[in-house]
């Protein structure tokens, strides 16, 4: 009887762990894709392999009609969940500065809201393309 209870407990524990990993994975999959602000100037492209392309500036310089694109191609991100709140931590380098930011995030259809955990500032991005 004790052996059967142990087996059931192990099966239950494995099932709960598998479901929690699946829930976190499906939530982080909502981030996958290319997101831009309403003006298309800044944004993020979250990739399945945990890398992120950060667009710091994307605009055309007036008069000379030259496109300027400040992109960081070698960033990484991780997601986590604490007390039902989803977090994304984004790490990238600009010139010689290491940037490490953590945001609360929410995805609602094609809108991504990032809330800075340092100052509670909210940023809104719109899905440009899903990966």
N, C-alpha and C. Protein backbone atom coordinates (compact mmCIF):
# COMPACT_ATOMS: atom_id res chain seq x y z
N UNK A 1 0.82 -1.20 0.00
CA UNK A 1 0.00 0.00 0.00
C UNK A 1 0.87 1.26 0.00
N UNK A 2 1.93 1.28 0.86
CA UNK A 2 2.81 2.43 0.91
C UNK A 2 3.52 2.63 -0.43
N UNK A 3 3.88 1.53 -1.08
CA UNK A 3 4.56 1.60 -2.36
C UNK A 3 3.64 2.21 -3.41
N UNK A 4 2.37 1.83 -3.41
CA UNK A 4 1.40 2.37 -4.36
C UNK A 4 1.19 3.87 -4.13
N UNK A 5 1.15 4.29 -2.87
CA UNK A 5 0.99 5.71 -2.55
C UNK A 5 2.21 6.50 -3.03
N UNK A 6 3.40 5.92 -2.83
CA UNK A 6 4.62 6.60 -3.29
C UNK A 6 4.60 6.75 -4.81
N UNK A 7 4.22 5.70 -5.51
CA UNK A 7 4.18 5.75 -6.97
C UNK A 7 3.18 6.81 -7.44
N UNK A 8 2.02 6.84 -6.81
CA UNK A 8 1.00 7.84 -7.18
C UNK A 8 1.52 9.24 -6.87
N UNK A 9 2.20 9.41 -5.75
CA UNK A 9 2.75 10.73 -5.39
C UNK A 9 3.80 11.18 -6.39
N UNK A 10 4.66 10.25 -6.81
CA UNK A 10 5.69 10.60 -7.80
C UNK A 10 5.05 10.96 -9.13
N UNK A 11 4.07 10.19 -9.57
CA UNK A 11 3.38 10.47 -10.83
C UNK A 11 2.68 11.83 -10.76
N UNK A 12 2.04 12.10 -9.64
CA UNK A 12 1.36 13.38 -9.45
C UNK A 12 2.36 14.54 -9.47
N UNK A 13 3.49 14.39 -8.79
CA UNK A 13 4.51 15.44 -8.75
C UNK A 13 5.08 15.71 -10.14
N UNK A 14 5.35 14.66 -10.88
CA UNK A 14 5.88 14.81 -12.25
C UNK A 14 4.85 15.50 -13.14
N UNK A 15 3.59 15.13 -13.00
CA UNK A 15 2.52 15.74 -13.80
C UNK A 15 2.40 17.23 -13.49
N UNK A 16 2.41 17.59 -12.22
CA UNK A 16 2.30 19.00 -11.82
C UNK A 16 3.49 19.79 -12.37
N UNK A 17 4.70 19.24 -12.26
CA UNK A 17 5.87 19.93 -12.80
C UNK A 17 5.78 20.10 -14.30
N UNK A 18 5.36 19.07 -15.00
CA UNK A 18 5.23 19.16 -16.46
C UNK A 18 4.20 20.21 -16.87
N UNK A 19 3.08 20.26 -16.15
CA UNK A 19 2.06 21.25 -16.47
C UNK A 19 2.54 22.67 -16.18
N UNK A 20 3.29 22.87 -15.11
CA UNK A 20 3.78 24.21 -14.80
C UNK A 20 4.79 24.67 -15.84
N UNK A 21 5.66 23.76 -16.32
CA UNK A 21 6.61 24.14 -17.37
C UNK A 21 5.88 24.46 -18.66
N UNK A 22 4.84 23.71 -18.97
CA UNK A 22 4.06 23.96 -20.17
C UNK A 22 3.36 25.30 -20.09
N UNK A 23 2.82 25.64 -18.94
CA UNK A 23 2.13 26.92 -18.77
C UNK A 23 3.11 28.07 -18.94
N UNK A 24 4.30 27.97 -18.36
CA UNK A 24 5.30 29.03 -18.51
C UNK A 24 5.77 29.12 -19.94
N UNK A 25 5.98 27.98 -20.58
CA UNK A 25 6.46 27.98 -21.95
C UNK A 25 5.42 28.60 -22.87
N UNK A 26 4.14 28.28 -22.67
CA UNK A 26 3.12 28.84 -23.55
C UNK A 26 2.99 30.34 -23.35
N UNK A 27 3.15 30.83 -22.13
CA UNK A 27 3.09 32.28 -21.89
C UNK A 27 4.27 32.97 -22.54
N UNK A 28 5.49 32.41 -22.42
CA UNK A 28 6.64 33.05 -23.03
C UNK A 28 6.57 32.97 -24.54
N UNK A 29 5.88 31.96 -25.08
CA UNK A 29 5.70 31.87 -26.54
C UNK A 29 4.89 33.04 -27.06
N UNK A 30 4.06 33.64 -26.21
CA UNK A 30 3.29 34.81 -26.64
C UNK A 30 4.21 35.98 -26.97
N UNK A 31 5.40 36.00 -26.39
CA UNK A 31 6.37 37.07 -26.66
C UNK A 31 7.03 36.92 -28.02
N UNK A 32 7.11 35.70 -28.53
CA UNK A 32 7.84 35.41 -29.76
C UNK A 32 7.26 36.24 -30.90
N UNK A 33 8.12 37.00 -31.56
CA UNK A 33 7.70 37.82 -32.68
C UNK A 33 8.36 39.18 -32.64
N UNK A 34 7.99 40.00 -33.61
CA UNK A 34 8.57 41.33 -33.73
C UNK A 34 7.54 42.35 -33.26
N UNK A 35 7.94 43.18 -32.28
CA UNK A 35 7.07 44.17 -31.66
C UNK A 35 7.65 45.57 -31.88
N UNK A 36 6.81 46.55 -32.14
CA UNK A 36 7.28 47.93 -32.32
C UNK A 36 6.31 48.88 -31.63
N UNK A 37 6.84 50.05 -31.25
CA UNK A 37 5.96 51.06 -30.67
C UNK A 37 5.05 51.62 -31.76
N UNK A 38 4.12 52.48 -31.38
CA UNK A 38 3.12 52.96 -32.33
C UNK A 38 3.73 53.76 -33.48
N UNK A 39 4.90 54.36 -33.27
CA UNK A 39 5.55 55.12 -34.33
C UNK A 39 6.51 54.25 -35.15
N UNK A 40 6.76 53.02 -34.70
CA UNK A 40 7.68 52.13 -35.40
C UNK A 40 9.14 52.50 -35.20
N UNK A 41 9.44 53.25 -34.16
CA UNK A 41 10.80 53.74 -33.94
C UNK A 41 11.61 52.80 -33.04
N UNK A 42 10.98 52.28 -31.99
CA UNK A 42 11.67 51.36 -31.09
C UNK A 42 10.91 50.04 -31.01
N UNK A 43 11.61 48.99 -30.59
CA UNK A 43 10.92 47.72 -30.47
C UNK A 43 11.84 46.57 -30.12
N UNK A 44 11.24 45.39 -30.07
CA UNK A 44 11.93 44.16 -29.73
C UNK A 44 11.50 43.07 -30.68
N UNK A 45 12.45 42.20 -31.03
CA UNK A 45 12.11 40.97 -31.76
C UNK A 45 12.58 39.81 -30.90
N UNK A 46 11.62 39.16 -30.24
CA UNK A 46 11.92 38.03 -29.37
C UNK A 46 11.93 36.76 -30.21
N UNK A 47 13.00 35.98 -30.11
CA UNK A 47 13.14 34.75 -30.88
C UNK A 47 13.03 33.54 -29.96
N UNK A 48 12.65 32.41 -30.54
CA UNK A 48 12.44 31.19 -29.75
C UNK A 48 13.70 30.71 -29.05
N UNK A 49 14.86 31.01 -29.61
CA UNK A 49 16.11 30.51 -29.02
C UNK A 49 16.59 31.35 -27.84
N UNK A 50 15.78 32.33 -27.39
CA UNK A 50 16.15 33.14 -26.23
C UNK A 50 16.95 34.38 -26.59
N UNK A 51 17.10 34.65 -27.89
CA UNK A 51 17.78 35.87 -28.30
C UNK A 51 16.75 36.95 -28.62
N UNK A 52 17.20 38.19 -28.56
CA UNK A 52 16.32 39.32 -28.83
C UNK A 52 17.10 40.36 -29.65
N UNK A 53 16.43 40.93 -30.63
CA UNK A 53 16.97 42.05 -31.39
C UNK A 53 16.27 43.29 -30.84
N UNK A 54 17.04 44.25 -30.37
CA UNK A 54 16.50 45.47 -29.79
C UNK A 54 16.67 46.60 -30.81
N UNK A 55 15.56 47.24 -31.18
CA UNK A 55 15.62 48.39 -32.07
C UNK A 55 15.49 49.64 -31.22
N UNK A 56 16.57 50.42 -31.17
CA UNK A 56 16.59 51.63 -30.36
C UNK A 56 16.15 52.85 -31.15
N UNK A 57 16.31 52.78 -32.47
CA UNK A 57 15.91 53.89 -33.33
C UNK A 57 15.72 53.36 -34.75
N UNK A 58 14.67 53.78 -35.40
CA UNK A 58 14.41 53.40 -36.78
C UNK A 58 13.64 54.54 -37.42
N UNK A 59 14.35 55.39 -38.14
CA UNK A 59 13.68 56.52 -38.76
C UNK A 59 14.48 57.01 -39.96
N UNK A 60 13.87 57.83 -40.75
CA UNK A 60 14.52 58.42 -41.91
C UNK A 60 14.94 59.84 -41.56
N UNK A 61 16.21 60.15 -41.84
CA UNK A 61 16.74 61.48 -41.55
C UNK A 61 16.21 62.44 -42.62
N UNK A 62 15.52 63.50 -42.19
CA UNK A 62 14.97 64.45 -43.16
C UNK A 62 16.05 65.09 -44.02
N UNK A 63 15.67 65.65 -45.11
CA UNK A 63 16.49 66.37 -46.09
C UNK A 63 17.37 65.41 -46.89
N UNK A 64 18.22 64.62 -46.21
CA UNK A 64 19.07 63.70 -46.96
C UNK A 64 18.37 62.36 -47.23
N UNK A 65 17.20 62.19 -46.66
CA UNK A 65 16.37 61.00 -46.87
C UNK A 65 17.15 59.70 -46.63
N UNK A 66 17.96 59.69 -45.59
CA UNK A 66 18.79 58.53 -45.26
C UNK A 66 18.16 57.78 -44.08
N UNK A 67 18.05 56.46 -44.20
CA UNK A 67 17.48 55.66 -43.12
C UNK A 67 18.53 55.45 -42.03
N UNK A 68 18.13 55.66 -40.79
CA UNK A 68 18.98 55.39 -39.63
C UNK A 68 18.33 54.28 -38.84
N UNK A 69 19.09 53.25 -38.52
CA UNK A 69 18.54 52.13 -37.78
C UNK A 69 19.54 51.72 -36.69
N UNK A 70 19.22 52.03 -35.45
CA UNK A 70 20.06 51.63 -34.33
C UNK A 70 19.55 50.32 -33.75
N UNK A 71 20.15 49.21 -34.18
CA UNK A 71 19.73 47.89 -33.72
C UNK A 71 20.84 47.22 -32.94
N UNK A 72 20.43 46.44 -31.95
CA UNK A 72 21.35 45.58 -31.20
C UNK A 72 20.90 44.16 -31.49
N UNK A 73 21.76 43.41 -32.19
CA UNK A 73 21.38 42.08 -32.66
C UNK A 73 21.73 40.94 -31.71
N UNK A 74 22.53 41.20 -30.69
CA UNK A 74 23.02 40.09 -29.88
C UNK A 74 22.51 40.11 -28.44
N UNK A 75 21.27 40.52 -28.25
CA UNK A 75 20.70 40.50 -26.91
C UNK A 75 20.12 39.13 -26.57
N UNK A 76 19.88 38.91 -25.29
CA UNK A 76 19.24 37.68 -24.82
C UNK A 76 18.14 38.05 -23.84
N UNK A 77 17.18 37.14 -23.69
CA UNK A 77 16.11 37.37 -22.73
C UNK A 77 15.72 36.08 -22.04
N UNK A 78 15.15 36.23 -20.84
CA UNK A 78 14.60 35.10 -20.11
C UNK A 78 13.25 35.52 -19.56
N UNK A 79 12.37 34.56 -19.40
CA UNK A 79 11.06 34.85 -18.81
C UNK A 79 10.92 34.08 -17.51
N UNK A 80 10.09 34.60 -16.63
CA UNK A 80 9.80 33.93 -15.36
C UNK A 80 8.41 34.35 -14.91
N UNK A 81 7.93 33.66 -13.93
CA UNK A 81 6.61 33.96 -13.37
C UNK A 81 6.71 33.88 -11.86
N UNK A 82 6.25 34.94 -11.16
CA UNK A 82 6.25 34.97 -9.70
C UNK A 82 4.90 35.47 -9.24
N UNK A 83 4.25 34.70 -8.38
CA UNK A 83 2.94 35.07 -7.84
C UNK A 83 1.95 35.44 -8.94
N UNK A 84 1.98 34.70 -10.04
CA UNK A 84 1.03 34.93 -11.14
C UNK A 84 1.39 36.08 -12.05
N UNK A 85 2.53 36.73 -11.84
CA UNK A 85 2.96 37.86 -12.66
C UNK A 85 4.09 37.39 -13.58
N UNK A 86 3.98 37.71 -14.87
CA UNK A 86 4.99 37.33 -15.85
C UNK A 86 6.06 38.41 -15.93
N UNK A 87 7.32 37.96 -15.98
CA UNK A 87 8.45 38.87 -16.08
C UNK A 87 9.32 38.48 -17.27
N UNK A 88 9.93 39.48 -17.89
CA UNK A 88 10.94 39.24 -18.91
C UNK A 88 12.16 40.09 -18.54
N UNK A 89 13.33 39.45 -18.57
CA UNK A 89 14.58 40.14 -18.33
C UNK A 89 15.34 40.17 -19.64
N UNK A 90 15.72 41.37 -20.07
CA UNK A 90 16.38 41.57 -21.36
C UNK A 90 17.79 42.09 -21.10
N UNK A 91 18.78 41.43 -21.71
CA UNK A 91 20.19 41.83 -21.57
C UNK A 91 20.76 42.10 -22.95
N UNK A 92 21.38 43.27 -23.11
CA UNK A 92 22.05 43.59 -24.36
C UNK A 92 23.13 44.63 -24.08
N UNK A 93 23.93 44.91 -25.08
CA UNK A 93 25.04 45.84 -24.92
C UNK A 93 24.91 46.96 -25.94
N UNK A 94 25.06 48.21 -25.49
CA UNK A 94 25.09 49.37 -26.36
C UNK A 94 26.45 50.01 -26.16
N UNK A 95 27.23 50.03 -27.25
CA UNK A 95 28.62 50.47 -27.19
C UNK A 95 29.34 49.67 -26.11
N UNK A 96 29.72 50.28 -25.02
CA UNK A 96 30.42 49.54 -23.95
C UNK A 96 29.54 49.36 -22.71
N UNK A 97 28.26 49.73 -22.83
CA UNK A 97 27.36 49.66 -21.67
C UNK A 97 26.52 48.39 -21.72
N UNK A 98 26.52 47.64 -20.61
CA UNK A 98 25.66 46.48 -20.47
C UNK A 98 24.31 46.93 -19.95
N UNK A 99 23.26 46.61 -20.67
CA UNK A 99 21.90 46.96 -20.27
C UNK A 99 21.23 45.68 -19.78
N UNK A 100 20.66 45.74 -18.60
CA UNK A 100 19.97 44.60 -18.00
C UNK A 100 18.67 45.13 -17.40
N UNK A 101 17.55 44.90 -18.08
CA UNK A 101 16.26 45.43 -17.65
C UNK A 101 15.28 44.30 -17.41
N UNK A 102 14.50 44.43 -16.35
CA UNK A 102 13.43 43.47 -16.06
C UNK A 102 12.10 44.21 -16.12
N UNK A 103 11.16 43.60 -16.82
CA UNK A 103 9.82 44.17 -16.98
C UNK A 103 8.77 43.14 -16.57
N UNK A 104 7.67 43.62 -16.02
CA UNK A 104 6.45 42.81 -15.96
C UNK A 104 5.89 42.89 -17.37
N UNK A 105 5.34 41.80 -17.87
CA UNK A 105 4.78 41.89 -19.21
C UNK A 105 3.42 41.23 -19.30
N UNK A 106 2.64 41.74 -20.24
CA UNK A 106 1.33 41.17 -20.52
C UNK A 106 1.11 41.25 -22.03
N UNK A 107 0.60 40.17 -22.58
CA UNK A 107 0.28 40.13 -24.00
C UNK A 107 -1.22 39.97 -24.12
N UNK A 108 -1.84 40.91 -24.83
CA UNK A 108 -3.28 40.86 -25.07
C UNK A 108 -3.49 40.96 -26.58
N UNK A 109 -3.78 39.82 -27.18
CA UNK A 109 -3.91 39.72 -28.64
C UNK A 109 -2.63 40.18 -29.31
N UNK A 110 -2.62 41.35 -29.93
CA UNK A 110 -1.43 41.81 -30.64
C UNK A 110 -0.79 43.02 -29.96
N UNK A 111 -1.01 43.14 -28.65
CA UNK A 111 -0.43 44.25 -27.88
C UNK A 111 0.42 43.70 -26.74
N UNK A 112 1.64 44.20 -26.65
CA UNK A 112 2.56 43.82 -25.59
C UNK A 112 2.75 45.03 -24.68
N UNK A 113 2.49 44.84 -23.39
CA UNK A 113 2.72 45.91 -22.42
C UNK A 113 3.87 45.50 -21.51
N UNK A 114 4.90 46.35 -21.48
CA UNK A 114 6.04 46.14 -20.60
C UNK A 114 5.99 47.19 -19.50
N UNK A 115 6.07 46.75 -18.25
CA UNK A 115 6.09 47.67 -17.12
C UNK A 115 7.44 47.56 -16.45
N UNK A 116 8.20 48.64 -16.46
CA UNK A 116 9.54 48.67 -15.88
C UNK A 116 9.44 48.41 -14.38
N UNK A 117 10.17 47.42 -13.90
CA UNK A 117 10.11 47.08 -12.48
C UNK A 117 10.85 48.09 -11.61
N UNK A 118 11.69 48.94 -12.20
CA UNK A 118 12.42 49.96 -11.43
C UNK A 118 11.56 51.18 -11.14
N UNK A 119 10.80 51.63 -12.15
CA UNK A 119 10.07 52.89 -11.98
C UNK A 119 8.59 52.82 -12.34
N UNK A 120 8.11 51.62 -12.65
CA UNK A 120 6.70 51.37 -12.94
C UNK A 120 6.19 52.06 -14.22
N UNK A 121 7.10 52.47 -15.10
CA UNK A 121 6.73 53.08 -16.37
C UNK A 121 6.24 52.00 -17.33
N UNK A 122 5.12 52.26 -18.01
CA UNK A 122 4.56 51.30 -18.95
C UNK A 122 4.90 51.69 -20.39
N UNK A 123 5.29 50.68 -21.16
CA UNK A 123 5.57 50.85 -22.58
C UNK A 123 4.67 49.90 -23.34
N UNK A 124 4.11 50.35 -24.47
CA UNK A 124 3.21 49.52 -25.26
C UNK A 124 3.80 49.30 -26.65
N UNK A 125 3.78 48.04 -27.07
CA UNK A 125 4.29 47.65 -28.38
C UNK A 125 3.22 46.85 -29.10
N UNK A 126 3.29 46.90 -30.42
CA UNK A 126 2.30 46.22 -31.24
C UNK A 126 2.98 45.17 -32.12
N UNK A 127 2.33 44.03 -32.26
CA UNK A 127 2.90 42.91 -33.01
C UNK A 127 3.01 43.28 -34.48
N UNK A 128 4.24 43.19 -35.00
CA UNK A 128 4.49 43.46 -36.41
C UNK A 128 4.47 42.16 -37.21
N UNK A 129 5.06 41.13 -36.63
CA UNK A 129 5.06 39.81 -37.27
C UNK A 129 5.37 38.76 -36.22
N UNK A 130 4.69 37.64 -36.33
CA UNK A 130 4.93 36.52 -35.42
C UNK A 130 5.97 35.62 -36.08
N UNK A 131 6.80 35.01 -35.26
CA UNK A 131 7.85 34.15 -35.80
C UNK A 131 7.31 32.80 -36.14
